[in-house]
Amino acid sequence: MRNRIIEDDLKFISNADLPWDELMGKTVLISGAAGFLISYVVHLLLFLNENRNANIKIIGLVRNAERAYEKYNAVSSENLTFVAQDVCDEISVSEKIDYIIHAASYATPKVFRDNPVGTILPNVIGTKNLLELAVKNNVDGFLFFSTSGVYGHVADEDYPVQETCFGALDSMELSSCYLESKRMGENMCVAWMHQYGVPIKIVRPAITYGPGLDLDGGRSFEDFISCIVRKQDIKLFSDGRAIRNFCYIADATLGFFTVLLKGENGQAYNVATDHEISIKDLAQYLVDDVFPDLGLKVIHEYDASRDYLRTQYSRTTVDINKAKALGWTLSFPITEGFKRVVQSFEED
């Protein structure tokens, strides 16, 4: 069975006032189904099957089916199957597909540097393949996972950034491979809706954290959680002045389903938290206020190997009022969220 934290999170999400009946008896194809960000989506659909007899069939497109089954080994369901294939190859699924959720994408700066082509293709060629599959199946819904980074570099006065505000990206910079391809993926969704009637919706998540994240992923918040779980002092490898917003995965997942089930076709929605905090303040807050009993410290230490190739932003906060207008609310402040993540790792 799942650990207590994940199980409680799924109960919280499923208790939301959403038209869950629309998913009952449906077949949902999810690309990138073994990824962290989409993991709660898969778990939630399974949870609806287990607790509401929803009879939802989940088909996950993954790079490695064996690892995907291991990821969800806490649950056993004949309604969950994985297809091992690259989303950039032709997709052939015999079942009638009702919903498509496209979340297959690299999302870590390490990969942007080492495999920019592999970063671009799932967001463009993969999106094209899934949109074609959506046309063939006349799907009820198509949800594209983009990123809040698509806004590019905007003026200070434009923060928090609304869904219609866009700034520059340098297409000649290798670090733009992820964001430019996400922009193209979004535009492809709009084009297929306009030309073929695909009912697309887009979510733009900001930084999301929660149970199941990669403790060795290399991003600052992953490092912080890794240090706390391992009871080590937090090392800060930058000046930490960048301002971010950190959204707990249960809140984010509820946002994704709110957009899928209540959002307007052809629209994009920011899914994030409205609480801003700098990287250095987060590190200090975690050791001083959230986990004071561990007696940890924040150590400032520069490491050139961690200067991963990525687009640098001093602030990345977004406006979430559009998603809130659908009835979505936030329930997990960072104090509770980070405690839940650490507890989840301790229970595994």
Protein backbone atom coordinates (compact mmCIF):
# COMPACT_ATOMS: atom_id res chain seq x y z
CA MET A 1 0.00 0.00 0.00
CA ARG A 2 1.00 3.63 -0.34
CA ASN A 3 2.62 5.45 2.53
CA ARG A 4 0.40 7.47 4.84
CA ILE A 5 1.35 10.89 3.47
CA ILE A 6 0.51 10.03 -0.14
CA GLU A 7 -2.70 8.28 0.89
CA ASP A 8 -3.83 11.32 2.88
CA ASP A 9 -2.98 13.62 -0.02
CA LEU A 10 -5.07 11.53 -2.40
CA LYS A 11 -8.04 11.62 -0.01
CA PHE A 12 -7.70 15.40 0.15
CA ILE A 13 -7.66 15.77 -3.63
CA SER A 14 -10.53 13.35 -4.23
CA ASN A 15 -12.72 15.19 -1.71
CA ALA A 16 -12.59 18.35 -3.82
CA ASP A 17 -15.82 19.53 -5.40
CA LEU A 18 -15.00 18.50 -8.96
CA PRO A 19 -17.08 16.59 -11.55
CA TRP A 20 -15.16 13.35 -11.04
CA ASP A 21 -18.01 11.43 -12.70
CA GLU A 22 -16.78 12.71 -16.06
CA LEU A 23 -13.78 10.40 -15.72
CA MET A 24 -15.69 7.30 -14.71
CA GLY A 25 -15.42 4.45 -17.18
CA LYS A 26 -13.02 6.44 -19.33
CA THR A 27 -9.60 5.56 -20.72
CA VAL A 28 -6.85 8.08 -19.98
CA LEU A 29 -3.54 7.99 -21.83
CA ILE A 30 -0.72 9.70 -19.93
CA SER A 31 2.67 10.35 -21.47
CA GLY A 32 5.61 10.54 -19.07
CA ALA A 33 3.54 8.58 -16.55
CA ALA A 34 6.60 7.62 -14.50
CA GLY A 35 7.65 11.23 -13.90
CA PHE A 36 7.49 13.00 -10.56
CA LEU A 37 5.09 15.78 -11.52
CA ILE A 38 2.53 13.41 -13.02
CA SER A 39 2.81 10.71 -10.34
CA TYR A 40 -0.04 12.02 -8.21
CA VAL A 41 -2.27 12.20 -11.31
CA VAL A 42 -1.75 8.48 -11.87
CA HIS A 43 -2.19 7.72 -8.16
CA LEU A 44 -5.37 9.80 -7.99
CA LEU A 45 -6.99 7.98 -10.91
CA LEU A 46 -6.12 4.67 -9.24
CA PHE A 47 -7.48 6.01 -5.95
CA LEU A 48 -10.81 6.83 -7.62
CA ASN A 49 -10.93 3.27 -8.93
CA GLU A 50 -10.21 1.85 -5.49
CA ASN A 51 -12.62 4.02 -3.52
CA ARG A 52 -15.37 5.01 -5.96
CA ASN A 53 -15.42 2.12 -8.42
CA ALA A 54 -14.61 4.64 -11.13
CA ASN A 55 -13.31 1.97 -13.54
CA ILE A 56 -10.86 4.38 -15.12
CA LYS A 57 -8.31 2.71 -17.39
CA ILE A 58 -4.86 4.32 -17.34
CA ILE A 59 -2.40 3.76 -20.17
CA GLY A 60 1.02 5.18 -19.40
CA LEU A 61 3.56 5.92 -22.10
CA VAL A 62 6.99 5.57 -20.49
CA ARG A 63 10.59 5.03 -21.52
CA ASN A 64 11.00 2.01 -19.25
CA ALA A 65 7.93 -0.04 -18.32
CA GLU A 66 9.74 -2.13 -15.72
CA ARG A 67 10.83 0.95 -13.78
CA ALA A 68 7.34 2.41 -14.12
CA TYR A 69 5.74 -0.68 -12.60
CA GLU A 70 8.29 -0.53 -9.79
CA LYS A 71 7.37 3.10 -9.15
CA TYR A 72 3.75 2.15 -8.57
CA ASN A 73 4.46 -1.21 -6.95
CA ALA A 74 2.56 -0.13 -3.83
CA VAL A 75 -0.66 -0.54 -5.80
CA SER A 76 -1.90 -3.39 -7.94
CA SER A 77 -4.47 -2.67 -10.61
CA GLU A 78 -5.53 -4.36 -13.80
CA ASN A 79 -6.61 -0.89 -14.96
CA LEU A 80 -3.02 0.37 -15.07
CA THR A 81 -0.82 -0.59 -18.00
CA PHE A 82 2.42 0.85 -19.30
CA VAL A 83 3.60 1.03 -22.89
CA ALA A 84 7.35 1.37 -23.28
CA GLN A 85 8.04 3.67 -26.17
CA ASP A 86 9.43 7.06 -27.07
CA VAL A 87 6.62 9.57 -27.38
CA CYS A 88 8.41 10.85 -30.48
CA ASP A 89 7.75 7.54 -32.28
CA GLU A 90 4.40 6.78 -33.89
CA ILE A 91 1.88 5.93 -31.18
CA SER A 92 -0.33 2.95 -31.83
CA VAL A 93 -2.88 2.13 -29.13
CA SER A 94 -5.78 -0.15 -29.99
CA GLU A 95 -8.08 1.02 -27.16
CA LYS A 96 -10.42 3.96 -27.58
CA ILE A 97 -8.80 6.91 -25.78
CA ASP A 98 -11.05 9.43 -24.01
CA TYR A 99 -8.49 11.76 -22.41
CA ILE A 100 -4.85 12.47 -23.18
CA ILE A 101 -2.49 14.06 -20.65
CA HIS A 102 0.88 14.96 -22.19
CA ALA A 103 3.53 15.29 -19.51
CA ALA A 104 6.47 13.53 -21.17
CA SER A 105 9.34 16.00 -21.00
CA TYR A 106 12.74 16.44 -19.49
CA ALA A 107 12.59 19.21 -16.88
CA THR A 108 16.02 19.39 -15.25
CA PRO A 109 18.81 21.80 -16.23
CA LYS A 110 21.37 18.98 -16.32
CA VAL A 111 19.55 17.45 -19.27
CA PHE A 112 19.09 20.78 -21.03
CA ARG A 113 22.88 21.04 -21.16
CA ASP A 114 23.71 17.45 -22.03
CA ASN A 115 20.77 16.53 -24.27
CA PRO A 116 19.14 19.62 -25.79
CA VAL A 117 17.79 17.69 -28.78
CA GLY A 118 16.22 15.12 -26.49
CA THR A 119 14.74 18.01 -24.51
CA ILE A 120 13.11 19.60 -27.54
CA LEU A 121 11.66 16.60 -29.34
CA PRO A 122 9.06 15.37 -26.77
CA ASN A 123 7.64 18.89 -26.57
CA VAL A 124 7.32 19.20 -30.35
CA ILE A 125 7.33 15.83 -32.13
CA GLY A 126 5.78 14.10 -29.11
CA THR A 127 3.08 16.76 -28.91
CA LYS A 128 2.34 16.33 -32.62
CA ASN A 129 1.98 12.55 -32.24
CA LEU A 130 -0.37 12.86 -29.29
CA LEU A 131 -2.47 15.55 -30.94
CA GLU A 132 -2.85 13.29 -33.98
CA LEU A 133 -3.94 10.50 -31.64
CA ALA A 134 -6.44 12.91 -30.08
CA VAL A 135 -7.93 13.66 -33.50
CA LYS A 136 -8.17 9.95 -34.32
CA ASN A 137 -9.96 9.21 -31.03
CA ASN A 138 -12.12 12.34 -30.91
CA VAL A 139 -11.06 12.75 -27.29
CA ASP A 140 -13.08 14.45 -24.56
CA GLY A 141 -10.04 16.36 -23.32
CA PHE A 142 -6.34 16.98 -24.00
CA LEU A 143 -4.19 18.45 -21.21
CA PHE A 144 -0.72 19.73 -22.11
CA PHE A 145 1.84 20.21 -19.35
CA SER A 146 3.82 23.34 -20.12
CA THR A 147 5.81 25.45 -17.65
CA SER A 148 5.65 28.90 -16.10
CA GLY A 149 9.06 29.50 -17.69
CA VAL A 150 7.44 30.13 -21.08
CA TYR A 151 6.87 33.74 -20.06
CA GLY A 152 10.54 34.52 -20.62
CA HIS A 153 12.16 37.65 -19.22
CA VAL A 154 9.45 40.14 -18.25
CA ALA A 155 9.70 43.53 -16.57
CA ASP A 156 9.72 43.74 -12.77
CA GLU A 157 6.36 45.47 -12.77
CA ASP A 158 4.77 42.49 -14.55
CA TYR A 159 5.26 40.15 -11.58
CA PRO A 160 3.38 38.09 -10.59
CA VAL A 161 3.01 37.12 -14.24
CA GLN A 162 -0.43 36.60 -15.75
CA GLU A 163 -1.13 34.08 -18.50
CA THR A 164 -1.12 36.71 -21.26
CA CYS A 165 2.20 38.39 -20.38
CA PHE A 166 5.25 37.32 -22.37
CA GLY A 167 8.84 38.52 -22.48
CA ALA A 168 11.92 37.66 -24.47
CA LEU A 169 13.72 34.37 -24.87
CA ASP A 170 16.94 34.17 -26.88
CA SER A 171 16.40 31.37 -29.38
CA MET A 172 20.14 31.31 -30.10
CA GLU A 173 20.93 30.36 -26.51
CA LEU A 174 21.18 26.61 -25.95
CA SER A 175 19.56 27.07 -22.55
CA SER A 176 16.33 28.08 -24.31
CA CYS A 177 15.79 24.56 -25.67
CA TYR A 178 13.26 23.64 -22.98
CA LEU A 179 11.28 26.86 -22.86
CA GLU A 180 11.17 27.48 -26.62
CA SER A 181 9.97 23.93 -27.26
CA LYS A 182 7.29 24.29 -24.58
CA ARG A 183 6.15 27.50 -26.28
CA MET A 184 5.96 25.63 -29.58
CA GLY A 185 4.07 22.78 -27.93
CA GLU A 186 1.50 25.24 -26.62
CA ASN A 187 1.05 26.81 -30.05
CA MET A 188 0.66 23.39 -31.63
CA CYS A 189 -2.13 22.63 -29.19
CA VAL A 190 -3.90 25.82 -30.20
CA ALA A 191 -3.38 25.04 -33.90
CA TRP A 192 -4.83 21.52 -33.59
CA MET A 193 -7.80 22.88 -31.67
CA HIS A 194 -8.44 25.51 -34.34
CA GLN A 195 -7.98 23.19 -37.32
CA TYR A 196 -9.18 19.83 -35.98
CA GLY A 197 -11.31 20.66 -32.96
CA VAL A 198 -9.09 19.02 -30.32
CA PRO A 199 -10.36 20.26 -26.90
CA ILE A 200 -6.99 21.34 -25.51
CA LYS A 201 -6.18 22.89 -22.16
CA ILE A 202 -2.76 23.91 -20.90
CA VAL A 203 -1.31 24.01 -17.39
CA ARG A 204 1.83 26.01 -16.60
CA PRO A 205 3.23 24.66 -13.33
CA ALA A 206 5.89 26.53 -11.40
CA ILE A 207 8.21 24.75 -8.95
CA THR A 208 6.41 21.74 -7.51
CA TYR A 209 7.71 19.59 -4.68
CA GLY A 210 6.41 16.61 -2.77
CA PRO A 211 6.81 12.90 -2.00
CA GLY A 212 8.68 11.04 -4.70
CA LEU A 213 10.92 13.87 -5.89
CA ASP A 214 14.51 13.06 -6.81
CA LEU A 215 16.75 13.68 -3.81
CA ASP A 216 19.72 13.80 -6.18
CA GLY A 217 18.03 15.96 -8.82
CA GLY A 218 20.37 18.88 -8.26
CA ARG A 219 17.84 21.70 -7.97
CA SER A 220 18.08 23.81 -4.84
CA PHE A 221 14.87 22.67 -3.14
CA GLU A 222 15.72 19.03 -3.91
CA ASP A 223 19.12 19.56 -2.30
CA PHE A 224 17.46 21.13 0.75
CA ILE A 225 15.09 18.20 1.24
CA SER A 226 17.89 15.73 0.63
CA CYS A 227 20.00 17.36 3.35
CA ILE A 228 17.12 17.36 5.83
CA VAL A 229 16.23 13.72 5.16
CA ARG A 230 19.90 12.79 5.59
CA LYS A 231 20.27 15.14 8.58
CA GLN A 232 23.05 17.13 6.94
CA ASP A 233 23.69 20.88 6.92
CA ILE A 234 22.17 22.62 3.92
CA LYS A 235 24.71 23.85 1.40
CA LEU A 236 23.75 26.88 -0.65
CA PHE A 237 25.69 27.04 -3.92
CA SER A 238 24.54 30.52 -5.03
CA ASP A 239 23.79 33.86 -3.41
CA GLY A 240 20.24 32.60 -2.97
CA ARG A 241 18.61 35.90 -3.84
CA ALA A 242 16.40 34.48 -6.60
CA ILE A 243 12.72 34.62 -5.65
CA ARG A 244 10.60 31.55 -6.30
CA ASN A 245 7.24 30.05 -5.37
CA PHE A 246 7.11 26.44 -4.19
CA CYS A 247 3.85 24.52 -4.62
CA TYR A 248 3.15 21.27 -2.77
CA ILE A 249 2.24 18.45 -5.15
CA ALA A 250 -1.23 17.81 -3.67
CA ASP A 251 -2.20 21.44 -4.28
CA ALA A 252 -0.70 21.32 -7.77
CA THR A 253 -2.42 18.05 -8.67
CA LEU A 254 -5.76 19.43 -7.57
CA GLY A 255 -5.03 22.38 -9.83
CA PHE A 256 -4.31 20.08 -12.78
CA PHE A 257 -7.60 18.23 -12.34
CA THR A 258 -9.47 21.49 -11.83
CA VAL A 259 -8.21 22.71 -15.21
CA LEU A 260 -8.90 19.36 -16.89
CA LEU A 261 -12.47 19.11 -15.60
CA LYS A 262 -13.53 22.76 -15.28
CA GLY A 263 -11.14 24.81 -17.39
CA GLU A 264 -12.03 26.41 -20.70
CA ASN A 265 -10.85 24.79 -23.90
CA GLY A 266 -8.08 26.74 -25.62
CA GLN A 267 -6.89 28.36 -22.40
CA ALA A 268 -3.70 28.18 -20.32
CA TYR A 269 -3.64 28.31 -16.51
CA ASN A 270 -0.83 28.97 -14.07
CA VAL A 271 -0.67 26.29 -11.36
CA ALA A 272 1.58 27.46 -8.56
CA THR A 273 1.50 28.96 -5.11
CA ASP A 274 1.08 32.67 -4.47
CA HIS A 275 3.69 32.67 -1.68
CA GLU A 276 7.05 34.14 -2.69
CA ILE A 277 10.33 33.39 -0.95
CA SER A 278 13.99 33.66 -1.90
CA ILE A 279 16.16 30.55 -2.12
CA LYS A 280 18.34 31.64 0.80
CA ASP A 281 15.34 32.56 2.96
CA LEU A 282 13.78 29.18 2.25
CA ALA A 283 16.96 27.38 3.33
CA GLN A 284 17.17 29.38 6.54
CA TYR A 285 13.46 28.99 7.23
CA LEU A 286 13.69 25.22 6.89
CA VAL A 287 16.53 24.85 9.39
CA ASP A 288 15.33 27.52 11.86
CA ASP A 289 11.55 27.15 11.83
CA VAL A 290 10.44 23.94 10.16
CA PHE A 291 13.09 21.49 11.40
CA PRO A 292 14.77 23.27 14.34
CA ASP A 293 15.18 20.05 16.32
CA LEU A 294 17.74 18.76 13.81
CA GLY A 295 20.19 21.53 14.68
CA LEU A 296 21.23 22.03 11.06
CA LYS A 297 22.95 25.07 9.56
CA VAL A 298 22.97 26.76 6.18
CA ILE A 299 26.46 26.80 4.67
CA HIS A 300 27.25 29.04 1.72
CA GLU A 301 29.55 27.19 -0.63
CA TYR A 302 30.24 27.83 -4.32
CA ASP A 303 30.54 24.83 -6.66
CA ALA A 304 31.24 25.55 -10.33
CA SER A 305 29.97 22.11 -11.33
CA ARG A 306 26.49 23.20 -10.30
CA ASP A 307 26.37 26.06 -12.77
CA TYR A 308 24.05 24.08 -14.98
CA LEU A 309 23.08 25.47 -18.33
CA ARG A 310 19.70 27.09 -17.81
CA THR A 311 17.85 30.35 -18.33
CA GLN A 312 18.44 32.49 -15.26
CA TYR A 313 15.58 34.41 -13.66
CA SER A 314 15.83 36.57 -10.56
CA ARG A 315 12.11 36.05 -9.99
CA THR A 316 9.64 33.52 -11.40
CA THR A 317 6.39 34.12 -9.52
CA VAL A 318 3.11 33.92 -11.39
CA ASP A 319 -0.46 35.08 -10.92
CA ILE A 320 -2.87 32.21 -10.13
CA ASN A 321 -6.18 34.07 -10.05
CA LYS A 322 -7.32 32.53 -13.34
CA ALA A 323 -7.10 29.01 -11.88
CA LYS A 324 -8.62 30.20 -8.60
CA ALA A 325 -11.62 31.50 -10.55
CA LEU A 326 -12.37 27.85 -11.41
CA GLY A 327 -12.71 27.14 -7.68
CA TRP A 328 -9.16 25.92 -7.05
CA THR A 329 -7.69 26.78 -3.64
CA LEU A 330 -4.33 26.24 -1.94
CA SER A 331 -4.22 24.23 1.28
CA PHE A 332 -0.57 23.42 2.02
CA PRO A 333 1.76 26.26 3.08
CA ILE A 334 5.49 25.55 2.83
CA THR A 335 5.78 24.68 6.53
CA GLU A 336 3.32 21.82 6.21
CA GLY A 337 4.36 20.89 2.69
CA PHE A 338 8.05 20.41 3.46
CA LYS A 339 7.23 18.52 6.65
CA ARG A 340 5.06 16.14 4.65
CA VAL A 341 7.80 15.52 2.11
CA VAL A 342 10.36 14.64 4.77
CA GLN A 343 7.86 12.45 6.63
CA SER A 344 7.08 10.64 3.40
CA PHE A 345 10.71 9.78 2.81
CA GLU A 346 11.07 8.66 6.42
CA GLU A 347 8.11 6.30 6.02
CA ASP A 348 9.38 4.71 2.79
